Amino acid sequence: MGASLLKEIWSGQRRSCLVLGWLIGLNLMVYLTLQWWGVPLVAERENRFIQRQAELRQSVQQGSAAEAPGVAFDRVQHELTEFYTRIPPHAEFTGLIDELVTLASRSRLELNAISYSSKPLESLSLLHYGVSFSVTGDYDQIKQFVHALEQSPRVLALQDIGLQYTDGQRRSGVSLRLSLSTYFRPGEQSS
């Protein structure tokens, strides 16, 4: 009876049986591929991840244990002192403006409209200055100016930058608009 039922299904639903057989075969191939190739690959990568995670934890634990709190405090205190020695007195603000003019001149750029604002930072005993200006010239001159500005020994933080193509009557070029932040020690005179 089972064989006659299978013959009847095969003769009446041959296409469905072929599709079903094809899908079963495809599922078997996917399963075998995953078992022989996918599962070992995932297991190997998972083991490598766990190993790296353990190495990272061990290095973090060794690094934090290597420096005693007193040593860490002294190191941070030294770095903070070094930072404050790099901050010039307020009287050196004109030196910053002079440096900007000199760098622009060396790069053969036109320096336009320097504006600045200041506010005291009581918690740090510093004056925060925001300085904005623009320079105009060709692209190579702008690159030279930015490189020279990056080499400045002053503590400067770039807040905003804008680059715009200019098409003047005499010549075309690039206009660079910069906003910088810097700090000064209040109430001290330069020596």
Protein backbone atom coordinates (compact mmCIF):
# COMPACT_ATOMS: atom_id res chain seq x y z
CA MET A 1 0.00 0.00 0.00
CA GLY A 2 2.86 2.41 0.72
CA ALA A 3 4.45 1.86 -2.69
CA SER A 4 1.17 2.44 -4.53
CA LEU A 5 0.60 5.66 -2.59
CA LEU A 6 4.07 6.89 -3.52
CA LYS A 7 3.43 6.01 -7.21
CA GLU A 8 0.14 7.89 -7.13
CA ILE A 9 1.75 10.97 -5.54
CA TRP A 10 4.64 10.81 -8.04
CA SER A 11 2.33 10.58 -11.05
CA GLY A 12 -0.06 13.29 -9.85
CA GLN A 13 2.37 15.73 -8.24
CA ARG A 14 5.63 15.09 -10.10
CA ARG A 15 6.62 18.77 -10.27
CA SER A 16 5.92 19.35 -6.56
CA CYS A 17 7.92 16.23 -5.65
CA LEU A 18 10.90 17.43 -7.73
CA VAL A 19 10.80 20.88 -6.14
CA LEU A 20 10.53 19.33 -2.68
CA GLY A 21 13.44 16.99 -3.41
CA TRP A 22 15.50 19.89 -4.78
CA LEU A 23 14.80 21.99 -1.65
CA ILE A 24 15.70 19.10 0.65
CA GLY A 25 18.95 18.59 -1.27
CA LEU A 26 19.73 22.31 -1.10
CA ASN A 27 19.08 22.37 2.66
CA LEU A 28 21.35 19.35 3.09
CA MET A 29 24.14 21.07 1.11
CA VAL A 30 23.81 24.28 3.15
CA TYR A 31 23.83 22.30 6.40
CA LEU A 32 26.93 20.33 5.41
CA THR A 33 28.71 23.51 4.23
CA LEU A 34 27.98 25.22 7.53
CA GLN A 35 29.11 22.18 9.53
CA TRP A 36 32.36 21.69 7.63
CA TRP A 37 33.31 25.30 6.96
CA GLY A 38 31.11 27.91 8.73
CA VAL A 39 30.98 26.53 12.27
CA PRO A 40 34.77 25.94 12.55
CA LEU A 41 35.46 29.41 11.15
CA VAL A 42 33.08 31.08 13.63
CA ALA A 43 34.48 29.00 16.51
CA GLU A 44 38.07 29.95 15.57
CA ARG A 45 37.21 33.64 15.38
CA GLU A 46 35.31 33.49 18.66
CA ASN A 47 38.31 31.84 20.35
CA ARG A 48 40.64 34.49 18.93
CA PHE A 49 38.30 37.25 20.18
CA ILE A 50 38.17 35.73 23.67
CA GLN A 51 41.97 35.39 23.70
CA ARG A 52 42.48 39.02 22.67
CA GLN A 53 39.93 40.18 25.22
CA ALA A 54 41.82 38.28 27.95
CA GLU A 55 45.14 39.78 26.79
CA LEU A 56 43.63 43.28 26.89
CA ARG A 57 42.25 42.76 30.39
CA GLN A 58 45.62 41.46 31.57
CA SER A 59 47.52 44.43 30.08
CA VAL A 60 45.07 46.91 31.63
CA GLN A 61 45.44 45.25 35.04
CA GLN A 62 49.24 45.24 34.76
CA GLY A 63 49.29 48.86 33.60
CA SER A 64 47.17 50.12 36.48
CA ALA A 65 49.11 48.09 39.02
CA ALA A 66 52.47 49.24 37.64
CA GLU A 67 52.04 52.86 38.78
CA ALA A 68 51.45 53.56 42.43
CA PRO A 69 48.99 56.36 43.28
CA GLY A 70 51.75 58.62 44.63
CA VAL A 71 53.79 58.18 41.44
CA ALA A 72 50.73 58.86 39.31
CA PHE A 73 49.97 62.00 41.32
CA ASP A 74 53.53 63.27 40.90
CA ARG A 75 53.46 62.56 37.16
CA VAL A 76 50.15 64.38 36.68
CA GLN A 77 51.35 67.28 38.83
CA HIS A 78 54.49 67.56 36.67
CA GLU A 79 52.43 67.47 33.44
CA LEU A 80 50.09 70.17 34.80
CA THR A 81 53.02 72.38 35.79
CA GLU A 82 54.53 71.89 32.35
CA PHE A 83 51.20 72.84 30.75
CA TYR A 84 50.95 76.05 32.81
CA THR A 85 54.50 77.05 31.87
CA ARG A 86 53.45 76.91 28.21
CA ILE A 87 50.67 79.44 28.87
CA PRO A 88 52.07 82.95 28.38
CA PRO A 89 51.15 85.98 30.51
CA HIS A 90 48.31 88.20 29.33
CA ALA A 91 50.78 90.88 28.22
CA GLU A 92 51.86 88.47 25.44
CA PHE A 93 48.49 88.79 23.67
CA THR A 94 49.98 91.37 21.30
CA GLY A 95 52.71 88.81 20.59
CA LEU A 96 50.03 86.39 19.36
CA ILE A 97 48.63 89.00 16.99
CA ASP A 98 52.15 89.85 15.82
CA GLU A 99 52.84 86.14 15.23
CA LEU A 100 49.68 85.79 13.11
CA VAL A 101 50.65 88.83 11.02
CA THR A 102 54.22 87.53 10.61
CA LEU A 103 53.09 84.03 9.59
CA ALA A 104 50.65 85.47 7.05
CA SER A 105 53.34 87.77 5.67
CA ARG A 106 55.85 84.91 5.34
CA SER A 107 53.24 82.90 3.44
CA ARG A 108 52.52 85.94 1.21
CA LEU A 109 48.88 86.09 2.34
CA GLU A 110 46.59 89.01 2.98
CA LEU A 111 45.44 88.97 6.62
CA ASN A 112 41.96 90.44 7.03
CA ALA A 113 40.03 91.69 10.06
CA ILE A 114 41.33 90.07 13.23
CA SER A 115 38.68 90.02 15.94
CA TYR A 116 38.91 88.60 19.42
CA SER A 117 36.96 88.11 22.61
CA SER A 118 38.08 87.11 26.07
CA LYS A 119 36.56 85.65 29.17
CA PRO A 120 38.11 84.66 32.48
CA LEU A 121 38.14 81.03 33.54
CA GLU A 122 38.25 81.40 37.33
CA SER A 123 38.37 77.65 37.98
CA LEU A 124 41.67 77.43 36.06
CA SER A 125 42.99 80.94 36.80
CA LEU A 126 43.33 81.59 33.08
CA LEU A 127 41.97 83.96 30.46
CA HIS A 128 40.34 82.29 27.45
CA TYR A 129 40.71 84.19 24.17
CA GLY A 130 38.81 83.49 20.99
CA VAL A 131 40.54 84.90 17.90
CA SER A 132 38.95 85.02 14.45
CA PHE A 133 40.49 86.18 11.19
CA SER A 134 40.72 85.38 7.52
CA VAL A 135 43.60 85.16 5.07
CA THR A 136 43.43 85.30 1.28
CA GLY A 137 45.88 83.89 -1.25
CA ASP A 138 46.42 80.83 -3.39
CA TYR A 139 46.05 77.27 -2.11
CA ASP A 140 49.78 76.60 -1.65
CA GLN A 141 50.16 79.79 0.39
CA ILE A 142 47.20 78.73 2.58
CA LYS A 143 48.81 75.30 3.15
CA GLN A 144 52.12 76.95 4.08
CA PHE A 145 50.34 79.28 6.54
CA VAL A 146 48.38 76.45 8.22
CA HIS A 147 51.55 74.38 8.55
CA ALA A 148 53.40 77.32 10.13
CA LEU A 149 50.45 77.88 12.50
CA GLU A 150 50.57 74.22 13.56
CA GLN A 151 54.26 74.62 14.41
CA SER A 152 53.59 77.49 16.80
CA PRO A 153 54.78 76.81 20.36
CA ARG A 154 51.60 78.47 21.66
CA VAL A 155 48.65 76.46 22.95
CA LEU A 156 46.16 77.01 20.13
CA ALA A 157 42.93 75.11 19.56
CA LEU A 158 41.15 75.33 16.22
CA GLN A 159 37.46 76.07 16.80
CA ASP A 160 36.16 76.70 13.29
CA ILE A 161 37.56 76.70 9.78
CA GLY A 162 36.09 77.75 6.44
CA LEU A 163 37.67 77.60 3.01
CA GLN A 164 36.13 79.47 0.09
CA TYR A 165 37.13 80.06 -3.52
CA THR A 166 37.45 83.77 -4.36
CA ASP A 167 37.31 85.27 -7.83
CA GLY A 168 38.64 88.80 -7.66
CA GLN A 169 39.23 91.32 -10.42
CA ARG A 170 43.02 91.03 -10.13
CA ARG A 171 43.29 87.28 -9.50
CA SER A 172 41.49 84.20 -8.22
CA GLY A 173 42.40 82.50 -4.99
CA VAL A 174 41.24 80.99 -1.74
CA SER A 175 39.97 82.63 1.41
CA LEU A 176 40.54 80.81 4.69
CA ARG A 177 38.48 81.82 7.72
CA LEU A 178 39.83 80.59 11.08
CA SER A 179 38.60 80.78 14.65
CA LEU A 180 41.15 79.84 17.30
CA SER A 181 41.12 79.54 21.06
CA THR A 182 44.10 80.20 23.27
CA TYR A 183 44.85 80.93 26.91
CA PHE A 184 46.82 83.49 28.90
CA ARG A 185 47.70 83.89 32.55
CA PRO A 186 45.90 86.96 33.92
CA GLY A 187 47.62 89.95 35.53
CA GLU A 188 51.19 88.98 34.74
CA GLN A 189 53.61 91.16 32.86
CA SER A 190 55.96 89.79 30.23
CA SER A 191 59.63 89.82 31.03
